[in-house]
């Protein structure tokens, strides 16, 4: 006797088990793929945030130096400083100082004559920062002002033509930026 199946009958147990097994395989593969995508996204976000931090630091430094006022540049073993235009400040200028402090490149902002009003951590994870300046007669130098180069009236040296920063991050990545100072600031 052969069993005949009626057209409105349900699924057999074997058909349900095969369907569940296929669903489990597809679900497992989908979960594995989603997990991998999320892991890759987390790694990428961290790297992109670090890259954005480096780009902001280099852009800010370039912007500051491109607005330097004449005879305002200072440099010592601790860092560099300058005065730049600031139309929103009563004196019309602010004093900036860049220095490496405990593995962080720090930008200190002060009024032209006064104590610091802001301290910004510009770049973290810095192993070393090497500043150099360029003057046509001297070339690249790690000291500013060069010996005997003072302005006759003010006693302040003129600004160099360019500033170079070489940064070595704790990860071993090196950054290099050259910023030109405006011609009228020299």
Protein backbone atom coordinates (compact mmCIF):
# COMPACT_ATOMS: atom_id res chain seq x y z
CA UNK A 1 0.00 0.00 0.00
CA UNK A 2 1.44 3.31 -1.00
CA UNK A 3 0.67 6.42 0.86
CA UNK A 4 -0.59 9.28 -1.15
CA UNK A 5 -0.11 12.80 -0.05
CA UNK A 6 -2.88 15.27 -0.10
CA UNK A 7 -2.13 18.68 -1.76
CA UNK A 8 -2.95 20.69 1.38
CA UNK A 9 -0.88 18.57 3.72
CA UNK A 10 2.00 20.20 5.77
CA UNK A 11 5.74 19.59 5.65
CA UNK A 12 7.32 16.37 6.71
CA UNK A 13 9.75 16.26 9.58
CA UNK A 14 12.66 15.68 7.18
CA UNK A 15 11.75 18.75 5.13
CA UNK A 16 11.60 20.91 8.28
CA UNK A 17 14.99 19.62 9.48
CA UNK A 18 16.61 20.29 6.08
CA UNK A 19 15.16 23.82 6.05
CA UNK A 20 16.43 24.48 9.60
CA UNK A 21 19.91 23.19 8.71
CA UNK A 22 20.08 25.46 5.64
CA UNK A 23 18.85 28.43 7.69
CA UNK A 24 21.51 27.73 10.37
CA UNK A 25 24.27 27.59 7.74
CA UNK A 26 23.18 30.84 6.09
CA UNK A 27 22.71 32.55 9.47
CA UNK A 28 26.15 31.41 10.70
CA UNK A 29 27.85 32.66 7.54
CA UNK A 30 26.00 35.98 7.79
CA UNK A 31 26.97 36.42 11.44
CA UNK A 32 30.63 35.67 10.69
CA UNK A 33 30.65 38.20 7.87
CA UNK A 34 28.94 40.87 10.02
CA UNK A 35 31.40 40.27 12.87
CA UNK A 36 34.36 40.69 10.50
CA UNK A 37 32.92 43.92 9.06
CA UNK A 38 32.40 45.37 12.55
CA UNK A 39 35.93 44.44 13.62
CA UNK A 40 37.38 46.05 10.50
CA UNK A 41 35.29 49.17 11.12
CA UNK A 42 36.57 49.51 14.70
CA UNK A 43 40.20 49.23 13.55
CA UNK A 44 39.65 51.67 10.70
CA UNK A 45 37.91 54.24 12.93
CA UNK A 46 40.86 54.27 15.34
CA UNK A 47 43.33 54.79 12.53
CA UNK A 48 41.19 57.45 10.89
CA UNK A 49 40.88 59.35 14.17
CA UNK A 50 44.68 59.26 14.59
CA UNK A 51 45.19 60.40 10.99
CA UNK A 52 42.72 63.26 11.53
CA UNK A 53 44.59 64.30 14.70
CA UNK A 54 47.89 64.40 12.78
CA UNK A 55 46.35 66.38 9.92
CA UNK A 56 44.75 68.90 12.31
CA UNK A 57 48.06 69.41 14.12
CA UNK A 58 50.02 70.01 10.93
CA UNK A 59 47.31 72.29 9.49
CA UNK A 60 47.08 74.36 12.68
CA UNK A 61 50.85 74.80 12.81
CA UNK A 62 50.96 75.87 9.15
CA UNK A 63 48.11 78.32 9.69
CA UNK A 64 49.77 79.85 12.75
CA UNK A 65 53.11 80.36 11.01
CA UNK A 66 51.51 81.76 7.87
CA UNK A 67 50.06 84.58 10.01
CA UNK A 68 53.23 85.43 11.97
CA UNK A 69 53.95 89.05 12.72
CA UNK A 70 57.33 90.58 12.02
CA UNK A 71 60.18 90.16 14.49
CA UNK A 72 58.08 87.93 16.73
CA UNK A 73 59.71 84.53 16.28
CA UNK A 74 61.52 82.94 19.24
CA UNK A 75 63.16 79.55 19.54
CA UNK A 76 64.90 77.72 22.36
CA UNK A 77 65.53 74.11 23.37
CA UNK A 78 62.04 73.85 24.88
CA UNK A 79 60.08 74.95 21.81
CA UNK A 80 59.18 77.85 19.54
CA UNK A 81 56.96 80.87 19.81
CA UNK A 82 55.58 83.70 17.72
CA UNK A 83 53.01 86.46 17.65
CA UNK A 84 50.24 86.24 15.10
CA UNK A 85 47.32 88.35 14.02
CA UNK A 86 44.04 87.90 15.87
CA UNK A 87 41.37 90.41 14.89
CA UNK A 88 38.99 89.26 17.64
CA UNK A 89 41.48 90.16 20.42
CA UNK A 90 41.71 93.75 21.71
CA UNK A 91 45.48 93.98 21.09
CA UNK A 92 45.04 92.55 17.58
CA UNK A 93 47.59 89.82 18.23
CA UNK A 94 48.12 86.68 20.29
CA UNK A 95 51.30 84.95 21.34
CA UNK A 96 51.64 81.26 20.54
CA UNK A 97 54.14 78.73 21.81
CA UNK A 98 54.63 75.15 20.63
CA UNK A 99 56.50 72.76 22.91
CA UNK A 100 56.81 69.03 23.52
CA UNK A 101 55.64 68.14 27.05
CA UNK A 102 55.50 64.52 28.24
CA UNK A 103 54.89 63.05 24.79
CA UNK A 104 52.33 65.69 23.76
CA UNK A 105 52.85 68.56 21.33
CA UNK A 106 51.27 71.46 23.20
CA UNK A 107 50.14 74.84 21.81
CA UNK A 108 49.89 77.60 24.41
CA UNK A 109 47.91 80.74 23.52
CA UNK A 110 48.43 84.05 25.36
CA UNK A 111 47.37 87.61 24.84
CA UNK A 112 50.18 89.75 23.41
CA UNK A 113 51.13 90.81 26.92
CA UNK A 114 49.90 88.48 29.58
CA UNK A 115 49.65 84.99 31.01
CA UNK A 116 48.47 82.00 28.96
CA UNK A 117 44.75 81.93 28.29
CA UNK A 118 44.54 78.52 26.60
CA UNK A 119 46.57 75.34 26.44
CA UNK A 120 45.81 72.86 23.67
CA UNK A 121 47.09 69.33 23.27
CA UNK A 122 47.70 69.39 19.53
CA UNK A 123 49.24 65.94 18.98
CA UNK A 124 49.55 63.03 21.41
CA UNK A 125 51.93 60.09 21.35
CA UNK A 126 54.97 62.12 20.27
CA UNK A 127 58.38 60.57 20.94
CA UNK A 128 60.42 63.49 19.56
CA UNK A 129 59.92 66.87 17.91
CA UNK A 130 62.76 68.55 16.04
CA UNK A 131 62.31 72.20 15.01
CA UNK A 132 64.51 73.90 12.44
CA UNK A 133 64.35 77.30 10.78
CA UNK A 134 65.48 78.47 7.36
CA UNK A 135 67.17 81.73 6.50
CA UNK A 136 68.70 82.28 3.09
CA UNK A 137 72.15 83.34 4.40
CA UNK A 138 72.33 80.59 7.02
CA UNK A 139 70.35 77.64 5.55
CA UNK A 140 68.56 75.27 7.92
CA UNK A 141 69.48 75.81 11.56
CA UNK A 142 68.38 74.49 14.93
CA UNK A 143 69.01 77.86 16.62
CA UNK A 144 67.25 81.19 16.16
CA UNK A 145 68.37 83.93 15.93
CA UNK A 146 71.69 83.20 14.28
CA UNK A 147 74.73 84.80 15.89
CA UNK A 148 74.83 88.56 15.37
CA UNK A 149 71.51 88.86 13.53
CA UNK A 150 69.52 91.51 15.39
CA UNK A 151 67.41 94.32 14.00
CA UNK A 152 69.17 97.70 14.44
CA UNK A 153 66.19 99.56 15.93
CA UNK A 154 64.22 97.05 18.01
CA UNK A 155 67.00 94.64 18.93
CA UNK A 156 64.67 91.78 17.95
CA UNK A 157 65.81 89.46 15.15
CA UNK A 158 63.80 89.30 11.95
CA UNK A 159 61.69 86.19 11.44
CA UNK A 160 63.16 83.28 9.50
CA UNK A 161 61.79 82.47 6.04
CA UNK A 162 60.46 79.01 6.99
CA UNK A 163 59.99 76.67 9.92
CA UNK A 164 60.32 72.89 9.70
CA UNK A 165 58.98 70.38 12.18
CA UNK A 166 60.03 66.73 12.16
CA UNK A 167 57.89 64.67 14.54
CA UNK A 168 58.50 61.06 15.46
CA UNK A 169 55.47 59.38 16.99
CA UNK A 170 55.71 56.62 19.56
CA UNK A 171 54.35 54.25 16.89
CA UNK A 172 57.47 54.96 14.81
CA UNK A 173 55.63 57.05 12.21
CA UNK A 174 57.44 60.20 11.16
CA UNK A 175 55.78 63.47 10.18
CA UNK A 176 57.48 66.32 8.35
CA UNK A 177 56.03 69.78 7.79
CA UNK A 178 57.56 72.96 6.39
CA UNK A 179 55.67 76.21 6.92
CA UNK A 180 56.58 79.46 5.22
CA UNK A 181 56.41 82.69 7.19
CA UNK A 182 54.89 85.65 5.37
CA UNK A 183 57.32 87.97 3.60
CA UNK A 184 56.04 91.05 5.44
CA UNK A 185 56.78 89.33 8.76
CA UNK A 186 60.51 89.16 8.01
